[in-house]
Amino acid sequence: MVALSGDGSALYSIQALWTAAHLDLPITFVIANNKGYRILKQRLRAFHGSDADIGMDFTKPEIDFAGLARSFGVTAEHIAEPDAIRPALDAALTRLGPTLLDVAVDGSVGG
């Protein structure tokens, strides 16, 4: 099973990683990590014409999702290069317990 989430959405229920580890569930969590609430920024700009997106970036400090997952007992990996996604996903799907893949994606906000 694969669960796909953005980094902002993952923060709403990150404690679910502990449950997955505790119950040894075969779930691969993939977090698309753009270091912020990009969807909220896009909507703020599109609907309100404002780029005052205060408090919507996860940069000071950055969130280490792989480290956080490991602290909950989940095997985890940060992926920065696109070519590394497929091998990491293939390996994750062969594991018996939970795995988290923290995948870096472009955080820029288009108009």
PDB file of N, CA and C in Angstrom:
ATOM      1  N   MET A   1       0.841  -1.160   0.000  1.00  0.00           N
ATOM      2  CA  MET A   1       0.000   0.000   0.000  1.00  0.00           C
ATOM      3  C   MET A   1       0.897   1.236   0.000  1.00  0.00           C
ATOM      4  N   VAL A   2       0.482   2.247  -0.737  1.00  0.00           N
ATOM      5  CA  VAL A   2       1.218   3.504  -0.804  1.00  0.00           C
ATOM      6  C   VAL A   2       0.285   4.641  -0.414  1.00  0.00           C
ATOM      7  N   ALA A   3       0.752   5.507   0.470  1.00  0.00           N
ATOM      8  CA  ALA A   3       0.008   6.703   0.871  1.00  0.00           C
ATOM      9  C   ALA A   3       0.817   7.909   0.425  1.00  0.00           C
ATOM     10  N   LEU A   4       0.222   8.755  -0.408  1.00  0.00           N
ATOM     11  CA  LEU A   4       0.894   9.935  -0.945  1.00  0.00           C
ATOM     12  C   LEU A   4       0.323  11.177  -0.286  1.00  0.00           C
ATOM     13  N   SER A   5       1.226  12.067   0.159  1.00  0.00           N
ATOM     14  CA  SER A   5       0.799  13.280   0.841  1.00  0.00           C
ATOM     15  C   SER A   5       1.788  14.400   0.566  1.00  0.00           C
ATOM     16  N   GLY A   6       1.309  15.617   0.669  1.00  0.00           N
ATOM     17  CA  GLY A   6       2.206  16.760   0.666  1.00  0.00           C
ATOM     18  C   GLY A   6       2.785  16.936   2.055  1.00  0.00           C
ATOM     19  N   ASP A   7       3.836  17.727   2.162  1.00  0.00           N
ATOM     20  CA  ASP A   7       4.461  17.916   3.470  1.00  0.00           C
ATOM     21  C   ASP A   7       3.546  18.647   4.446  1.00  0.00           C
ATOM     22  N   GLY A   8       2.828  19.643   3.973  1.00  0.00           N
ATOM     23  CA  GLY A   8       1.912  20.362   4.858  1.00  0.00           C
ATOM     24  C   GLY A   8       0.803  19.460   5.360  1.00  0.00           C
ATOM     25  N   SER A   9       0.221  18.684   4.472  1.00  0.00           N
ATOM     26  CA  SER A   9      -0.843  17.756   4.862  1.00  0.00           C
ATOM     27  C   SER A   9      -0.327  16.696   5.827  1.00  0.00           C
ATOM     28  N   ALA A  10       0.902  16.240   5.602  1.00  0.00           N
ATOM     29  CA  ALA A  10       1.480  15.212   6.477  1.00  0.00           C
ATOM     30  C   ALA A  10       1.598  15.706   7.914  1.00  0.00           C
ATOM     31  N   LEU A  11       1.818  16.989   8.085  1.00  0.00           N
ATOM     32  CA  LEU A  11       1.974  17.521   9.437  1.00  0.00           C
ATOM     33  C   LEU A  11       0.688  17.464  10.253  1.00  0.00           C
ATOM     34  N   TYR A  12      -0.453  17.355   9.582  1.00  0.00           N
ATOM     35  CA  TYR A  12      -1.716  17.273  10.317  1.00  0.00           C
ATOM     36  C   TYR A  12      -1.868  15.955  11.061  1.00  0.00           C
ATOM     37  N   SER A  13      -1.172  14.911  10.602  1.00  0.00           N
ATOM     38  CA  SER A  13      -1.345  13.606  11.243  1.00  0.00           C
ATOM     39  C   SER A  13      -0.059  12.791  11.249  1.00  0.00           C
ATOM     40  N   ILE A  14       1.064  13.448  11.477  1.00  0.00           N
ATOM     41  CA  ILE A  14       2.367  12.780  11.421  1.00  0.00           C
ATOM     42  C   ILE A  14       2.473  11.656  12.456  1.00  0.00           C
ATOM     43  N   GLN A  15       1.699  11.743  13.537  1.00  0.00           N
ATOM     44  CA  GLN A  15       1.742  10.716  14.576  1.00  0.00           C
ATOM     45  C   GLN A  15       1.234   9.370  14.067  1.00  0.00           C
ATOM     46  N   ALA A  16       0.589   9.337  12.918  1.00  0.00           N
ATOM     47  CA  ALA A  16       0.155   8.066  12.324  1.00  0.00           C
ATOM     48  C   ALA A  16       1.356   7.176  11.985  1.00  0.00           C
ATOM     49  N   LEU A  17       2.533   7.778  11.829  1.00  0.00           N
ATOM     50  CA  LEU A  17       3.738   6.976  11.570  1.00  0.00           C
ATOM     51  C   LEU A  17       4.038   6.062  12.752  1.00  0.00           C
ATOM     52  N   TRP A  18       3.825   6.562  13.962  1.00  0.00           N
ATOM     53  CA  TRP A  18       4.059   5.717  15.137  1.00  0.00           C
ATOM     54  C   TRP A  18       3.115   4.514  15.120  1.00  0.00           C
ATOM     55  N   THR A  19       1.859   4.747  14.782  1.00  0.00           N
ATOM     56  CA  THR A  19       0.884   3.653  14.728  1.00  0.00           C
ATOM     57  C   THR A  19       1.299   2.625  13.683  1.00  0.00           C
ATOM     58  N   ALA A  20       1.741   3.090  12.522  1.00  0.00           N
ATOM     59  CA  ALA A  20       2.185   2.173  11.466  1.00  0.00           C
ATOM     60  C   ALA A  20       3.370   1.339  11.935  1.00  0.00           C
ATOM     61  N   ALA A  21       4.299   1.968  12.657  1.00  0.00           N
ATOM     62  CA  ALA A  21       5.454   1.229  13.177  1.00  0.00           C
ATOM     63  C   ALA A  21       5.029   0.264  14.284  1.00  0.00           C
ATOM     64  N   HIS A  22       4.190   0.735  15.184  1.00  0.00           N
ATOM     65  CA  HIS A  22       3.731  -0.086  16.307  1.00  0.00           C
ATOM     66  C   HIS A  22       3.013  -1.346  15.828  1.00  0.00           C
ATOM     67  N   LEU A  23       2.212  -1.195  14.778  1.00  0.00           N
ATOM     68  CA  LEU A  23       1.453  -2.332  14.242  1.00  0.00           C
ATOM     69  C   LEU A  23       2.179  -3.033  13.095  1.00  0.00           C
ATOM     70  N   ASP A  24       3.389  -2.539  12.774  1.00  0.00           N
ATOM     71  CA  ASP A  24       4.213  -3.124  11.713  1.00  0.00           C
ATOM     72  C   ASP A  24       3.446  -3.230  10.397  1.00  0.00           C
ATOM     73  N   LEU A  25       2.791  -2.139  10.028  1.00  0.00           N
ATOM     74  CA  LEU A  25       1.955  -2.122   8.825  1.00  0.00           C
ATOM     75  C   LEU A  25       2.802  -1.955   7.561  1.00  0.00           C
ATOM     76  N   PRO A  26       2.484  -2.685   6.512  1.00  0.00           N
ATOM     77  CA  PRO A  26       3.243  -2.596   5.262  1.00  0.00           C
ATOM     78  C   PRO A  26       2.776  -1.420   4.397  1.00  0.00           C
ATOM     79  N   ILE A  27       3.031  -0.216   4.879  1.00  0.00           N
ATOM     80  CA  ILE A  27       2.612   0.993   4.168  1.00  0.00           C
ATOM     81  C   ILE A  27       3.857   1.778   3.776  1.00  0.00           C
ATOM     82  N   THR A  28       3.872   2.245   2.539  1.00  0.00           N
ATOM     83  CA  THR A  28       4.922   3.155   2.090  1.00  0.00           C
ATOM     84  C   THR A  28       4.312   4.546   2.034  1.00  0.00           C
ATOM     85  N   PHE A  29       4.816   5.433   2.867  1.00  0.00           N
ATOM     86  CA  PHE A  29       4.373   6.823   2.887  1.00  0.00           C
ATOM     87  C   PHE A  29       5.304   7.623   1.985  1.00  0.00           C
ATOM     88  N   VAL A  30       4.747   8.328   1.020  1.00  0.00           N
ATOM     89  CA  VAL A  30       5.548   9.183   0.141  1.00  0.00           C
ATOM     90  C   VAL A  30       5.102  10.614   0.401  1.00  0.00           C
ATOM     91  N   ILE A  31       6.040  11.441   0.849  1.00  0.00           N
ATOM     92  CA  ILE A  31       5.747  12.846   1.102  1.00  0.00           C
ATOM     93  C   ILE A  31       6.404  13.685   0.016  1.00  0.00           C
ATOM     94  N   ALA A  32       5.580  14.415  -0.733  1.00  0.00           N
ATOM     95  CA  ALA A  32       6.083  15.380  -1.714  1.00  0.00           C
ATOM     96  C   ALA A  32       6.421  16.647  -0.920  1.00  0.00           C
ATOM     97  N   ASN A  33       7.709  16.898  -0.753  1.00  0.00           N
ATOM     98  CA  ASN A  33       8.189  17.930   0.160  1.00  0.00           C
ATOM     99  C   ASN A  33       8.633  19.173  -0.609  1.00  0.00           C
ATOM    100  N   ASN A  34       7.772  20.187  -0.611  1.00  0.00           N
ATOM    101  CA  ASN A  34       8.123  21.460  -1.254  1.00  0.00           C
ATOM    102  C   ASN A  34       8.469  22.534  -0.226  1.00  0.00           C
ATOM    103  N   LYS A  35       8.615  22.113   1.029  1.00  0.00           N
ATOM    104  CA  LYS A  35       9.020  22.987   2.145  1.00  0.00           C
ATOM    105  C   LYS A  35       8.036  24.106   2.428  1.00  0.00           C
ATOM    106  N   GLY A  36       6.744  23.805   2.242  1.00  0.00           N
ATOM    107  CA  GLY A  36       5.753  24.816   2.574  1.00  0.00           C
ATOM    108  C   GLY A  36       4.351  24.441   2.139  1.00  0.00           C
ATOM    109  N   TYR A  37       3.422  25.312   2.468  1.00  0.00           N
ATOM    110  CA  TYR A  37       2.030  25.135   2.062  1.00  0.00           C
ATOM    111  C   TYR A  37       1.825  25.798   0.693  1.00  0.00           C
ATOM    112  N   ARG A  38       2.338  25.175  -0.358  1.00  0.00           N
ATOM    113  CA  ARG A  38       2.274  25.786  -1.688  1.00  0.00           C
ATOM    114  C   ARG A  38       0.841  25.977  -2.162  1.00  0.00           C
ATOM    115  N   ILE A  39      -0.042  25.012  -1.906  1.00  0.00           N
ATOM    116  CA  ILE A  39      -1.423  25.148  -2.366  1.00  0.00           C
ATOM    117  C   ILE A  39      -2.086  26.377  -1.752  1.00  0.00           C
ATOM    118  N   LEU A  40      -1.791  26.650  -0.482  1.00  0.00           N
ATOM    119  CA  LEU A  40      -2.359  27.833   0.160  1.00  0.00           C
ATOM    120  C   LEU A  40      -1.787  29.111  -0.435  1.00  0.00           C
ATOM    121  N   LYS A  41      -0.494  29.096  -0.746  1.00  0.00           N
ATOM    122  CA  LYS A  41       0.126  30.254  -1.388  1.00  0.00           C
ATOM    123  C   LYS A  41      -0.503  30.517  -2.752  1.00  0.00           C
ATOM    124  N   GLN A  42      -0.713  29.445  -3.524  1.00  0.00           N
ATOM    125  CA  GLN A  42      -1.302  29.598  -4.848  1.00  0.00           C
ATOM    126  C   GLN A  42      -2.702  30.185  -4.760  1.00  0.00           C
ATOM    127  N   ARG A  43      -3.494  29.699  -3.818  1.00  0.00           N
ATOM    128  CA  ARG A  43      -4.867  30.197  -3.670  1.00  0.00           C
ATOM    129  C   ARG A  43      -4.878  31.637  -3.179  1.00  0.00           C
ATOM    130  N   LEU A  44      -3.973  31.981  -2.285  1.00  0.00           N
ATOM    131  CA  LEU A  44      -3.869  33.347  -1.798  1.00  0.00           C
ATOM    132  C   LEU A  44      -3.589  34.299  -2.955  1.00  0.00           C
ATOM    133  N   ARG A  45      -2.694  33.909  -3.835  1.00  0.00           N
ATOM    134  CA  ARG A  45      -2.350  34.750  -4.986  1.00  0.00           C
ATOM    135  C   ARG A  45      -3.462  34.767  -6.025  1.00  0.00           C
ATOM    136  N   ALA A  46      -4.040  33.605  -6.313  1.00  0.00           N
ATOM    137  CA  ALA A  46      -5.066  33.520  -7.359  1.00  0.00           C
ATOM    138  C   ALA A  46      -6.367  34.226  -6.969  1.00  0.00           C
ATOM    139  N   PHE A  47      -6.793  34.047  -5.735  1.00  0.00           N
ATOM    140  CA  PHE A  47      -8.097  34.575  -5.344  1.00  0.00           C
ATOM    141  C   PHE A  47      -8.045  35.937  -4.668  1.00  0.00           C
ATOM    142  N   HIS A  48      -6.898  36.278  -4.100  1.00  0.00           N
ATOM    143  CA  HIS A  48      -6.807  37.531  -3.368  1.00  0.00           C
ATOM    144  C   HIS A  48      -5.725  38.464  -3.907  1.00  0.00           C
ATOM    145  N   GLY A  49      -4.971  38.017  -4.905  1.00  0.00           N
ATOM    146  CA  GLY A  49      -3.924  38.849  -5.491  1.00  0.00           C
ATOM    147  C   GLY A  49      -2.834  39.233  -4.507  1.00  0.00           C
ATOM    148  N   SER A  50      -2.625  38.413  -3.496  1.00  0.00           N
ATOM    149  CA  SER A  50      -1.659  38.728  -2.448  1.00  0.00           C
ATOM    150  C   SER A  50      -0.551  37.692  -2.404  1.00  0.00           C
ATOM    151  N   ASP A  51       0.665  38.171  -2.196  1.00  0.00           N
ATOM    152  CA  ASP A  51       1.780  37.243  -1.993  1.00  0.00           C
ATOM    153  C   ASP A  51       2.305  37.352  -0.557  1.00  0.00           C
ATOM    154  N   ALA A  52       1.439  37.785   0.350  1.00  0.00           N
ATOM    155  CA  ALA A  52       1.791  37.896   1.765  1.00  0.00           C
ATOM    156  C   ALA A  52       1.554  36.548   2.442  1.00  0.00           C
ATOM    157  N   ASP A  53       2.367  35.587   2.051  1.00  0.00           N
ATOM    158  CA  ASP A  53       2.192  34.218   2.548  1.00  0.00           C
ATOM    159  C   ASP A  53       3.038  33.970   3.790  1.00  0.00           C
ATOM    160  N   ILE A  54       2.722  34.676   4.836  1.00  0.00           N
ATOM    161  CA  ILE A  54       3.459  34.611   6.093  1.00  0.00           C
ATOM    162  C   ILE A  54       3.162  33.291   6.807  1.00  0.00           C
ATOM    163  N   GLY A  55       4.212  32.630   7.280  1.00  0.00           N
ATOM    164  CA  GLY A  55       4.058  31.407   8.044  1.00  0.00           C
ATOM    165  C   GLY A  55       3.730  30.179   7.217  1.00  0.00           C
ATOM    166  N   MET A  56       3.998  30.231   5.922  1.00  0.00           N
ATOM    167  CA  MET A  56       3.659  29.110   5.053  1.00  0.00           C
ATOM    168  C   MET A  56       4.878  28.360   4.530  1.00  0.00           C
ATOM    169  N   ASP A  57       6.054  28.698   5.009  1.00  0.00           N
ATOM    170  CA  ASP A  57       7.285  28.013   4.594  1.00  0.00           C
ATOM    171  C   ASP A  57       7.853  27.213   5.760  1.00  0.00           C
ATOM    172  N   PHE A  58       8.386  26.037   5.439  1.00  0.00           N
ATOM    173  CA  PHE A  58       9.010  25.181   6.452  1.00  0.00           C
ATOM    174  C   PHE A  58      10.528  25.223   6.259  1.00  0.00           C
ATOM    175  N   THR A  59      11.114  26.401   6.479  1.00  0.00           N
ATOM    176  CA  THR A  59      12.543  26.551   6.196  1.00  0.00           C
ATOM    177  C   THR A  59      13.389  26.969   7.393  1.00  0.00           C
ATOM    178  N   LYS A  60      12.823  27.563   8.398  1.00  0.00           N
ATOM    179  CA  LYS A  60      13.618  28.031   9.534  1.00  0.00           C
ATOM    180  C   LYS A  60      12.972  27.577  10.822  1.00  0.00           C
ATOM    181  N   PRO A  61      13.180  26.373  11.247  1.00  0.00           N
ATOM    182  CA  PRO A  61      14.078  25.358  10.689  1.00  0.00           C
ATOM    183  C   PRO A  61      13.348  24.488   9.659  1.00  0.00           C
ATOM    184  N   GLU A  62      14.126  23.850   8.808  1.00  0.00           N
ATOM    185  CA  GLU A  62      13.549  22.892   7.873  1.00  0.00           C
ATOM    186  C   GLU A  62      13.070  21.668   8.648  1.00  0.00           C
ATOM    187  N   ILE A  63      12.053  21.015   8.126  1.00  0.00           N
ATOM    188  CA  ILE A  63      11.537  19.807   8.774  1.00  0.00           C
ATOM    189  C   ILE A  63      12.221  18.594   8.153  1.00  0.00           C
ATOM    190  N   ASP A  64      12.813  17.792   8.987  1.00  0.00           N
ATOM    191  CA  ASP A  64      13.488  16.562   8.559  1.00  0.00           C
ATOM    192  C   ASP A  64      12.491  15.409   8.677  1.00  0.00           C
ATOM    193  N   PHE A  65      11.689  15.212   7.632  1.00  0.00           N
ATOM    194  CA  PHE A  65      10.652  14.184   7.680  1.00  0.00           C
ATOM    195  C   PHE A  65      11.242  12.782   7.821  1.00  0.00           C
ATOM    196  N   ALA A  66      12.373  12.532   7.173  1.00  0.00           N
ATOM    197  CA  ALA A  66      12.999  11.207   7.299  1.00  0.00           C
ATOM    198  C   ALA A  66      13.460  10.986   8.740  1.00  0.00           C
ATOM    199  N   GLY A  67      14.072  11.987   9.331  1.00  0.00           N
ATOM    200  CA  GLY A  67      14.503  11.872  10.724  1.00  0.00           C
ATOM    201  C   GLY A  67      13.326  11.725  11.666  1.00  0.00           C
ATOM    202  N   LEU A  68      12.274  12.474  11.413  1.00  0.00           N
ATOM    203  CA  LEU A  68      11.072  12.386  12.226  1.00  0.00           C
ATOM    204  C   LEU A  68      10.465  10.989  12.129  1.00  0.00           C
ATOM    205  N   ALA A  69      10.389  10.453  10.908  1.00  0.00           N
ATOM    206  CA  ALA A  69       9.853   9.102  10.720  1.00  0.00           C
ATOM    207  C   ALA A  69      10.686   8.071  11.465  1.00  0.00           C
ATOM    208  N   ARG A  70      12.003   8.197  11.374  1.00  0.00           N
ATOM    209  CA  ARG A  70      12.873   7.249  12.080  1.00  0.00           C
ATOM    210  C   ARG A  70      12.651   7.324  13.584  1.00  0.00           C
ATOM    211  N   SER A  71      12.371   8.529  14.097  1.00  0.00           N
ATOM    212  CA  SER A  71      12.131   8.663  15.535  1.00  0.00           C
ATOM    213  C   SER A  71      10.844   7.958  15.959  1.00  0.00           C
ATOM    214  N   PHE A  72       9.937   7.738  15.032  1.00  0.00           N
ATOM    215  CA  PHE A  72       8.705   6.986  15.296  1.00  0.00           C
ATOM    216  C   PHE A  72       8.889   5.493  15.046  1.00  0.00           C
ATOM    217  N   GLY A  73      10.078   5.081  14.586  1.00  0.00           N
ATOM    218  CA  GLY A  73      10.341   3.669  14.332  1.00  0.00           C
ATOM    219  C   GLY A  73      10.099   3.230  12.904  1.00  0.00           C
ATOM    220  N   VAL A  74      10.022   4.179  11.989  1.00  0.00           N
ATOM    221  CA  VAL A  74       9.753   3.894  10.578  1.00  0.00           C
ATOM    222  C   VAL A  74      11.044   4.019   9.771  1.00  0.00           C
ATOM    223  N   THR A  75      11.291   3.054   8.900  1.00  0.00           N
ATOM    224  CA  THR A  75      12.416   3.150   7.967  1.00  0.00           C
ATOM    225  C   THR A  75      12.154   4.348   7.059  1.00  0.00           C
ATOM    226  N   ALA A  76      13.147   5.189   6.830  1.00  0.00           N
ATOM    227  CA  ALA A  76      12.905   6.413   6.071  1.00  0.00           C
ATOM    228  C   ALA A  76      14.119   6.816   5.251  1.00  0.00           C
ATOM    229  N   GLU A  77      13.837   7.562   4.182  1.00  0.00           N
ATOM    230  CA  GLU A  77      14.885   8.032   3.278  1.00  0.00           C
ATOM    231  C   GLU A  77      14.476   9.373   2.689  1.00  0.00           C
ATOM    232  N   HIS A  78      15.428  10.307   2.622  1.00  0.00           N
ATOM    233  CA  HIS A  78      15.209  11.571   1.923  1.00  0.00           C
ATOM    234  C   HIS A  78      15.695  11.392   0.489  1.00  0.00           C
ATOM    235  N   ILE A  79      14.897  11.805  -0.474  1.00  0.00           N
ATOM    236  CA  ILE A  79      15.245  11.657  -1.884  1.00  0.00           C
ATOM    237  C   ILE A  79      15.298  13.036  -2.518  1.00  0.00           C
ATOM    238  N   ALA A  80      16.458  13.393  -3.050  1.00  0.00           N
ATOM    239  CA  ALA A  80      16.646  14.708  -3.649  1.00  0.00           C
ATOM    240  C   ALA A  80      16.724  14.664  -5.176  1.00  0.00           C
ATOM    241  N   GLU A  81      16.998  13.501  -5.743  1.00  0.00           N
ATOM    242  CA  GLU A  81      17.159  13.377  -7.193  1.00  0.00           C
ATOM    243  C   GLU A  81      16.048  12.516  -7.789  1.00  0.00           C
ATOM    244  N   PRO A  82      15.451  12.954  -8.896  1.00  0.00           N
ATOM    245  CA  PRO A  82      14.360  12.193  -9.521  1.00  0.00           C
ATOM    246  C   PRO A  82      14.716  10.746  -9.858  1.00  0.00           C
ATOM    247  N   ASP A  83      15.933  10.498 -10.283  1.00  0.00           N
ATOM    248  CA  ASP A  83      16.331   9.132 -10.651  1.00  0.00           C
ATOM    249  C   ASP A  83      16.365   8.183  -9.459  1.00  0.00           C
ATOM    250  N   ALA A  84      16.371   8.709  -8.262  1.00  0.00           N
ATOM    251  CA  ALA A  84      16.423   7.867  -7.066  1.00  0.00           C
ATOM    252  C   ALA A  84      15.037   7.450  -6.576  1.00  0.00           C
ATOM    253  N   ILE A  85      13.991   8.025  -7.151  1.00  0.00           N
ATOM    254  CA  ILE A  85      12.634   7.732  -6.665  1.00  0.00           C
ATOM    255  C   ILE A  85      12.246   6.283  -6.933  1.00  0.00           C
ATOM    256  N   ARG A  86      12.389   5.824  -8.159  1.00  0.00           N
ATOM    257  CA  ARG A  86      11.938   4.466  -8.498  1.00  0.00           C
ATOM    258  C   ARG A  86      12.655   3.384  -7.692  1.00  0.00           C
ATOM    259  N   PRO A  87      14.003   3.416  -7.603  1.00  0.00           N
ATOM    260  CA  PRO A  87      14.660   2.383  -6.790  1.00  0.00           C
ATOM    261  C   PRO A  87      14.236   2.420  -5.316  1.00  0.00           C
ATOM    262  N   ALA A  88      14.048   3.617  -4.784  1.00  0.00           N
ATOM    263  CA  ALA A  88      13.634   3.738  -3.381  1.00  0.00           C
ATOM    264  C   ALA A  88      12.214   3.204  -3.192  1.00  0.00           C
ATOM    265  N   LEU A  89      11.342   3.484  -4.138  1.00  0.00           N
ATOM    266  CA  LEU A  89       9.975   2.981  -4.052  1.00  0.00           C
ATOM    267  C   LEU A  89       9.942   1.463  -4.185  1.00  0.00           C
ATOM    268  N   ASP A  90      10.706   0.933  -5.120  1.00  0.00           N
ATOM    269  CA  ASP A  90      10.769  -0.525  -5.281  1.00  0.00           C
ATOM    270  C   ASP A  90      11.258  -1.196  -3.997  1.00  0.00           C
ATOM    271  N   ALA A  91      12.294  -0.637  -3.387  1.00  0.00           N
ATOM    272  CA  ALA A  91      12.828  -1.206  -2.136  1.00  0.00           C
ATOM    273  C   ALA A  91      11.797  -1.097  -1.013  1.00  0.00           C
ATOM    274  N   ALA A  92      11.114   0.035  -0.932  1.00  0.00           N
ATOM    275  CA  ALA A  92      10.116   0.241   0.123  1.00  0.00           C
ATOM    276  C   ALA A  92       8.980  -0.772   0.015  1.00  0.00           C
ATOM    277  N   LEU A  93       8.582  -1.067  -1.203  1.00  0.00           N
ATOM    278  CA  LEU A  93       7.452  -1.978  -1.401  1.00  0.00           C
ATOM    279  C   LEU A  93       7.795  -3.433  -1.100  1.00  0.00           C
ATOM    280  N   THR A  94       9.078  -3.730  -0.966  1.00  0.00           N
ATOM    281  CA  THR A  94       9.472  -5.102  -0.613  1.00  0.00           C
ATOM    282  C   THR A  94       9.624  -5.281   0.894  1.00  0.00           C
ATOM    283  N   ARG A  95       9.632  -4.186   1.664  1.00  0.00           N
ATOM    284  CA  ARG A  95       9.772  -4.273   3.117  1.00  0.00           C
ATOM    285  C   ARG A  95       8.465  -4.733   3.753  1.00  0.00           C
ATOM    286  N   LEU A  96       8.584  -5.392   4.873  1.00  0.00           N
ATOM    287  CA  LEU A  96       7.399  -5.875   5.578  1.00  0.00           C
ATOM    288  C   LEU A  96       6.736  -4.780   6.415  1.00  0.00           C
ATOM    289  N   GLY A  97       7.505  -3.876   6.971  1.00  0.00           N
ATOM    290  CA  GLY A  97       6.949  -2.823   7.816  1.00  0.00           C
ATOM    291  C   GLY A  97       6.822  -1.513   7.057  1.00  0.00           C
ATOM    292  N   PRO A  98       6.532  -0.435   7.766  1.00  0.00           N
ATOM    293  CA  PRO A  98       6.331   0.863   7.122  1.00  0.00           C
ATOM    294  C   PRO A  98       7.631   1.534   6.695  1.00  0.00           C
ATOM    295  N   THR A  99       7.520   2.312   5.637  1.00  0.00           N
ATOM    296  CA  THR A  99       8.642   3.089   5.107  1.00  0.00           C
ATOM    297  C   THR A  99       8.125   4.469   4.735  1.00  0.00           C
ATOM    298  N   LEU A 100       8.953   5.486   4.950  1.00  0.00           N
ATOM    299  CA  LEU A 100       8.618   6.832   4.508  1.00  0.00           C
ATOM    300  C   LEU A 100       9.667   7.292   3.512  1.00  0.00           C
ATOM    301  N   LEU A 101       9.213   7.822   2.385  1.00  0.00           N
ATOM    302  CA  LEU A 101      10.088   8.426   1.391  1.00  0.00           C
ATOM    303  C   LEU A 101       9.783   9.916   1.359  1.00  0.00           C
ATOM    304  N   ASP A 102      10.754  10.713   1.740  1.00  0.00           N
ATOM    305  CA  ASP A 102      10.636  12.172   1.770  1.00  0.00           C
ATOM    306  C   ASP A 102      11.230  12.682   0.462  1.00  0.00           C
ATOM    307  N   VAL A 103      10.364  13.023  -0.498  1.00  0.00           N
ATOM    308  CA  VAL A 103      10.805  13.370  -1.853  1.00  0.00           C
ATOM    309  C   VAL A 103      10.795  14.892  -2.036  1.00  0.00           C
ATOM    310  N   ALA A 104      11.956  15.461  -2.285  1.00  0.00           N
ATOM    311  CA  ALA A 104      12.077  16.896  -2.517  1.00  0.00           C
ATOM    312  C   ALA A 104      11.455  17.246  -3.864  1.00  0.00           C
ATOM    313  N   VAL A 105      10.573  18.252  -3.856  1.00  0.00           N
ATOM    314  CA  VAL A 105       9.961  18.756  -5.085  1.00  0.00           C
ATOM    315  C   VAL A 105      10.093  20.266  -5.126  1.00  0.00           C
ATOM    316  N   ASP A 106       9.898  20.850  -6.281  1.00  0.00           N
ATOM    317  CA  ASP A 106      10.025  22.288  -6.487  1.00  0.00           C
ATOM    318  C   ASP A 106       8.998  23.033  -5.633  1.00  0.00           C
ATOM    319  N   GLY A 107       9.453  23.997  -4.885  1.00  0.00           N
ATOM    320  CA  GLY A 107       8.571  24.747  -4.005  1.00  0.00           C
ATOM    321  C   GLY A 107       8.149  26.098  -4.548  1.00  0.00           C
ATOM    322  N   SER A 108       8.569  26.433  -5.783  1.00  0.00           N
ATOM    323  CA  SER A 108       8.201  27.741  -6.314  1.00  0.00           C
ATOM    324  C   SER A 108       6.705  27.818  -6.603  1.00  0.00           C
ATOM    325  N   VAL A 109       6.183  29.004  -6.524  1.00  0.00           N
ATOM    326  CA  VAL A 109       4.751  29.210  -6.731  1.00  0.00           C
ATOM    327  C   VAL A 109       4.560  29.962  -8.033  1.00  0.00           C
ATOM    328  N   GLY A 110       3.833  29.325  -8.946  1.00  0.00           N
ATOM    329  CA  GLY A 110       3.540  29.970 -10.230  1.00  0.00           C
ATOM    330  C   GLY A 110       2.346  30.906 -10.108  1.00  0.00           C
ATOM    331  N   GLY A 111       2.220  31.779 -11.097  1.00  0.00           N
ATOM    332  CA  GLY A 111       1.128  32.755 -11.091  1.00  0.00           C
ATOM    333  C   GLY A 111      -0.153  32.152 -11.439  1.00  0.00           C
TER     334      GLY A 111
END
